[in-house]
Every structure is written in C-alpha cells, then in structure tokens.
C-alpha atoms as a PDB file:
ATOM      1  CA  MET A   1      -2.764   7.371   7.523  1.00  0.00           C
ATOM      2  CA  ARG A   2       0.857   6.422   8.025  1.00  0.00           C
ATOM      3  CA  LEU A   3       3.403   4.788   5.724  1.00  0.00           C
ATOM      4  CA  ILE A   4       6.149   2.706   7.276  1.00  0.00           C
ATOM      5  CA  ARG A   5       8.861   0.641   5.627  1.00  0.00           C
ATOM      6  CA  VAL A   6       8.696  -2.954   6.819  1.00  0.00           C
ATOM      7  CA  ARG A   7      12.324  -2.870   7.943  1.00  0.00           C
ATOM      8  CA  ASP A   8      11.608   0.172  10.123  1.00  0.00           C
ATOM      9  CA  THR A   9       8.934  -1.605  12.148  1.00  0.00           C
ATOM     10  CA  LEU A  10      10.276  -5.145  12.630  1.00  0.00           C
ATOM     11  CA  GLY A  11       9.494  -6.456  16.087  1.00  0.00           C
ATOM     12  CA  GLN A  12       7.256  -3.465  16.851  1.00  0.00           C
ATOM     13  CA  ASP A  13       3.513  -3.087  16.727  1.00  0.00           C
ATOM     14  CA  PRO A  14       2.730  -0.313  14.199  1.00  0.00           C
ATOM     15  CA  PRO A  15       0.100   2.268  15.164  1.00  0.00           C
ATOM     16  CA  GLY A  16      -3.558   1.501  14.437  1.00  0.00           C
ATOM     17  CA  ARG A  17      -4.574  -1.160  11.960  1.00  0.00           C
ATOM     18  CA  ALA A  18      -1.573  -2.219   9.880  1.00  0.00           C
ATOM     19  CA  PHE A  19      -1.777  -3.548   6.330  1.00  0.00           C
ATOM     20  CA  LEU A  20       1.089  -5.014   4.326  1.00  0.00           C
ATOM     21  CA  VAL A  21       0.456  -3.678   0.809  1.00  0.00           C
ATOM     22  CA  ASP A  22       3.089  -5.547  -1.219  1.00  0.00           C
ATOM     23  CA  ARG A  23       2.296  -8.287  -3.722  1.00  0.00           C
ATOM     24  CA  LEU A  24       5.379 -10.266  -2.650  1.00  0.00           C
ATOM     25  CA  TRP A  25       6.514 -10.952   0.888  1.00  0.00           C
ATOM     26  CA  PRO A  26       9.400  -8.570   1.758  1.00  0.00           C
ATOM     27  CA  ARG A  27      12.732 -10.259   1.106  1.00  0.00           C
ATOM     28  CA  GLY A  28      14.677 -11.332   4.178  1.00  0.00           C
ATOM     29  CA  VAL A  29      11.830 -10.665   6.602  1.00  0.00           C
ATOM     30  CA  ARG A  30      10.592 -13.428   8.879  1.00  0.00           C
ATOM     31  CA  LYS A  31       6.829 -13.637   9.074  1.00  0.00           C
ATOM     32  CA  THR A  32       7.049 -13.843  12.848  1.00  0.00           C
ATOM     33  CA  SER A  33       8.908 -10.526  13.087  1.00  0.00           C
ATOM     34  CA  LEU A  34       6.300  -8.400  11.295  1.00  0.00           C
ATOM     35  CA  TYR A  35       3.139  -7.297  13.091  1.00  0.00           C
ATOM     36  CA  TYR A  36       0.240  -6.617  10.726  1.00  0.00           C
ATOM     37  CA  ASP A  37      -3.520  -7.090  10.590  1.00  0.00           C
ATOM     38  CA  ALA A  38      -3.775  -8.195   6.965  1.00  0.00           C
ATOM     39  CA  TRP A  39      -1.628  -8.749   3.905  1.00  0.00           C
ATOM     40  CA  LEU A  40      -3.490  -7.092   1.014  1.00  0.00           C
ATOM     41  CA  GLN A  41      -1.714  -8.364  -2.067  1.00  0.00           C
ATOM     42  CA  ASP A  42      -4.520  -7.246  -4.387  1.00  0.00           C
ATOM     43  CA  VAL A  43      -3.957  -3.543  -3.641  1.00  0.00           C
ATOM     44  CA  ALA A  44      -0.343  -3.768  -4.803  1.00  0.00           C
ATOM     45  CA  PRO A  45       0.596  -3.004  -8.415  1.00  0.00           C
ATOM     46  CA  SER A  46       0.165  -5.855 -10.861  1.00  0.00           C
ATOM     47  CA  THR A  47       3.195  -8.034 -11.470  1.00  0.00           C
ATOM     48  CA  GLY A  48       3.600  -6.583 -14.963  1.00  0.00           C
ATOM     49  CA  LEU A  49       3.492  -2.994 -13.743  1.00  0.00           C
ATOM     50  CA  ARG A  50       5.828  -3.730 -10.838  1.00  0.00           C
ATOM     51  CA  ARG A  51       8.374  -5.351 -13.172  1.00  0.00           C
ATOM     52  CA  TRP A  52       8.086  -2.518 -15.690  1.00  0.00           C
ATOM     53  CA  PHE A  53       8.774   0.128 -13.047  1.00  0.00           C
ATOM     54  CA  HIS A  54      11.392  -1.882 -11.132  1.00  0.00           C
ATOM     55  CA  ALA A  55      12.470   1.095  -9.032  1.00  0.00           C
ATOM     56  CA  ASP A  56      13.396   3.271 -12.009  1.00  0.00           C
ATOM     57  CA  PRO A  57      12.652   6.802 -10.747  1.00  0.00           C
ATOM     58  CA  GLY A  58      12.635   7.990 -14.364  1.00  0.00           C
ATOM     59  CA  ARG A  59       9.381   6.075 -14.874  1.00  0.00           C
ATOM     60  CA  TRP A  60       7.809   7.345 -11.656  1.00  0.00           C
ATOM     61  CA  ASP A  61       5.121   9.640 -13.094  1.00  0.00           C
ATOM     62  CA  GLU A  62       3.910   7.087 -15.625  1.00  0.00           C
ATOM     63  CA  PHE A  63       4.053   4.304 -13.016  1.00  0.00           C
ATOM     64  CA  ALA A  64       1.910   6.358 -10.620  1.00  0.00           C
ATOM     65  CA  GLU A  65      -0.648   7.069 -13.357  1.00  0.00           C
ATOM     66  CA  ARG A  66      -0.868   3.408 -14.397  1.00  0.00           C
ATOM     67  CA  TYR A  67      -1.116   2.230 -10.800  1.00  0.00           C
ATOM     68  CA  ARG A  68      -3.921   4.700 -10.030  1.00  0.00           C
ATOM     69  CA  GLY A  69      -5.719   3.194 -13.025  1.00  0.00           C
ATOM     70  CA  GLU A  70      -5.326  -0.289 -11.579  1.00  0.00           C
ATOM     71  CA  LEU A  71      -6.647   0.904  -8.213  1.00  0.00           C
ATOM     72  CA  ALA A  72      -9.656   2.545  -9.873  1.00  0.00           C
ATOM     73  CA  GLU A  73     -10.463  -0.731 -11.637  1.00  0.00           C
ATOM     74  CA  ASN A  74     -10.442  -2.709  -8.370  1.00  0.00           C
ATOM     75  CA  PRO A  75     -12.125  -0.558  -5.687  1.00  0.00           C
ATOM     76  CA  GLU A  76     -13.308  -3.589  -3.702  1.00  0.00           C
ATOM     77  CA  ALA A  77      -9.693  -4.527  -2.882  1.00  0.00           C
ATOM     78  CA  LEU A  78      -9.428  -1.222  -0.990  1.00  0.00           C
ATOM     79  CA  ARG A  79     -12.423  -1.940   1.253  1.00  0.00           C
ATOM     80  CA  PRO A  80     -10.444  -3.333   4.236  1.00  0.00           C
ATOM     81  CA  ILE A  81      -8.318  -0.191   4.342  1.00  0.00           C
ATOM     82  CA  ARG A  82     -11.291   2.128   3.881  1.00  0.00           C
ATOM     83  CA  ASP A  83     -13.233   0.339   6.639  1.00  0.00           C
ATOM     84  CA  ALA A  84     -10.259   0.611   8.984  1.00  0.00           C
ATOM     85  CA  LEU A  85      -9.856   4.321   8.165  1.00  0.00           C
ATOM     86  CA  ALA A  86     -13.448   4.883   9.258  1.00  0.00           C
ATOM     87  CA  GLU A  87     -12.511   3.415  12.652  1.00  0.00           C
ATOM     88  CA  GLY A  88      -9.208   5.210  13.237  1.00  0.00           C
ATOM     89  CA  THR A  89      -5.500   5.114  12.482  1.00  0.00           C
ATOM     90  CA  VAL A  90      -4.207   3.032   9.578  1.00  0.00           C
ATOM     91  CA  THR A  91      -0.613   2.122   8.780  1.00  0.00           C
ATOM     92  CA  LEU A  92       0.423   0.954   5.317  1.00  0.00           C
ATOM     93  CA  LEU A  93       3.515  -1.268   5.436  1.00  0.00           C
ATOM     94  CA  TYR A  94       5.698  -1.614   2.350  1.00  0.00           C
ATOM     95  CA  GLY A  95       8.985  -3.292   1.563  1.00  0.00           C
ATOM     96  CA  ALA A  96      10.563  -0.884  -0.947  1.00  0.00           C
ATOM     97  CA  SER A  97      13.811   0.736   0.091  1.00  0.00           C
ATOM     98  CA  ASP A  98      13.101   3.943  -1.873  1.00  0.00           C
ATOM     99  CA  THR A  99      10.922   6.090   0.381  1.00  0.00           C
ATOM    100  CA  GLU A 100      10.203   8.669  -2.336  1.00  0.00           C
ATOM    101  CA  HIS A 101       9.286   6.418  -5.278  1.00  0.00           C
ATOM    102  CA  ASN A 102       7.127   3.504  -4.161  1.00  0.00           C
ATOM    103  CA  HIS A 103       3.609   2.261  -4.679  1.00  0.00           C
ATOM    104  CA  ALA A 104       2.553   2.838  -1.045  1.00  0.00           C
ATOM    105  CA  LEU A 105       2.805   6.603  -1.631  1.00  0.00           C
ATOM    106  CA  VAL A 106       0.504   6.352  -4.641  1.00  0.00           C
ATOM    107  CA  LEU A 107      -1.873   4.085  -2.731  1.00  0.00           C
ATOM    108  CA  ARG A 108      -2.078   6.493   0.223  1.00  0.00           C
ATOM    109  CA  ASP A 109      -2.665   9.480  -2.047  1.00  0.00           C
ATOM    110  CA  HIS A 110      -5.312   7.573  -4.020  1.00  0.00           C
ATOM    111  CA  LEU A 111      -7.141   6.579  -0.835  1.00  0.00           C
ATOM    112  CA  LEU A 112      -7.128  10.150   0.442  1.00  0.00           C
ATOM    113  CA  ALA A 113      -8.172  11.635  -2.914  1.00  0.00           C
ATOM    114  CA  THR A 114     -11.077   9.200  -3.362  1.00  0.00           C
ATOM    115  CA  ARG A 115     -12.247   9.142   0.256  1.00  0.00           C
ATOM    116  CA  GLY A 116     -15.455  11.049  -0.476  1.00  0.00           C
ATOM    117  CA  GLU A 117     -16.228   8.982  -3.570  1.00  0.00           C
ATOM    118  CA  ALA A 118     -15.939   5.747  -1.578  1.00  0.00           C
ATOM    119  CA  ALA A 119     -18.266   7.051   1.126  1.00  0.00           C
ATOM    120  CA  GLY A 120     -20.896   7.769  -1.522  1.00  0.00           C
ATOM    121  CA  GLN A 121     -20.765   4.189  -2.802  1.00  0.00           C
ATOM    122  CA  GLN A 122     -21.558   2.601   0.560  1.00  0.00           C
END
C-alpha cells in the first residue's frame, strides 16, 4: 500500500487502484488533473476531529487514537480499499502538506493492522 500526496501525482496515473481519502477536495487542485478510482470521503476523519487537530503536531498521538476509533466504528467505509488490496496494489492519495503527521498514515496503519480481522468478517 502506497501513500502519495496529491500534489506529487498531478497529471500522473498512480500505481494500482488509487483512492482519494480526504473529506474535502484538495485546495487548488483541478479535478481533471488528478487520476483516482474513487473519492472516499467517509474514511477521512470527521470534520470535528479534523478541525480539532488542524495540523498541530503536538496533538498527533491523541488525533491518531481518536481517528482509529472513528475507523473502527465505520468498517464498511473501508470495504472499497480492502477489496482493492485483495486484488493488488493500492495507493492512498491525500492533500496534507505534512508527510509525517496526516490522517493517511493512520489510515494505512489501521488497514494493515486490521487486515486479518477484516478477512474474518467476510
């Protein structure tokens, strides 16, 4: 599973199935310049959580914990990504400029950590 910033892939076809995992469309990006298979707004952090964190690295650990809780409460939203992972390469596209403190990292880690659990539910 790969993570790629939206701005790093504009005009290029990302590897495998590509999912935009932001709740809001990335600012300043034309929809025609981004190649993706699906925009999965429901896997992004809630608006309240996103606003609370607002790129404050000091809140990172608590943000990650809260976001994992949101993901655990909505496993069905992850189905498109899980199904694509079963078929091959998946790329998660995100708009955040901070590559070390963003929700896509938490999402990827959550998907990998719960991979076996999801397989048991099918």
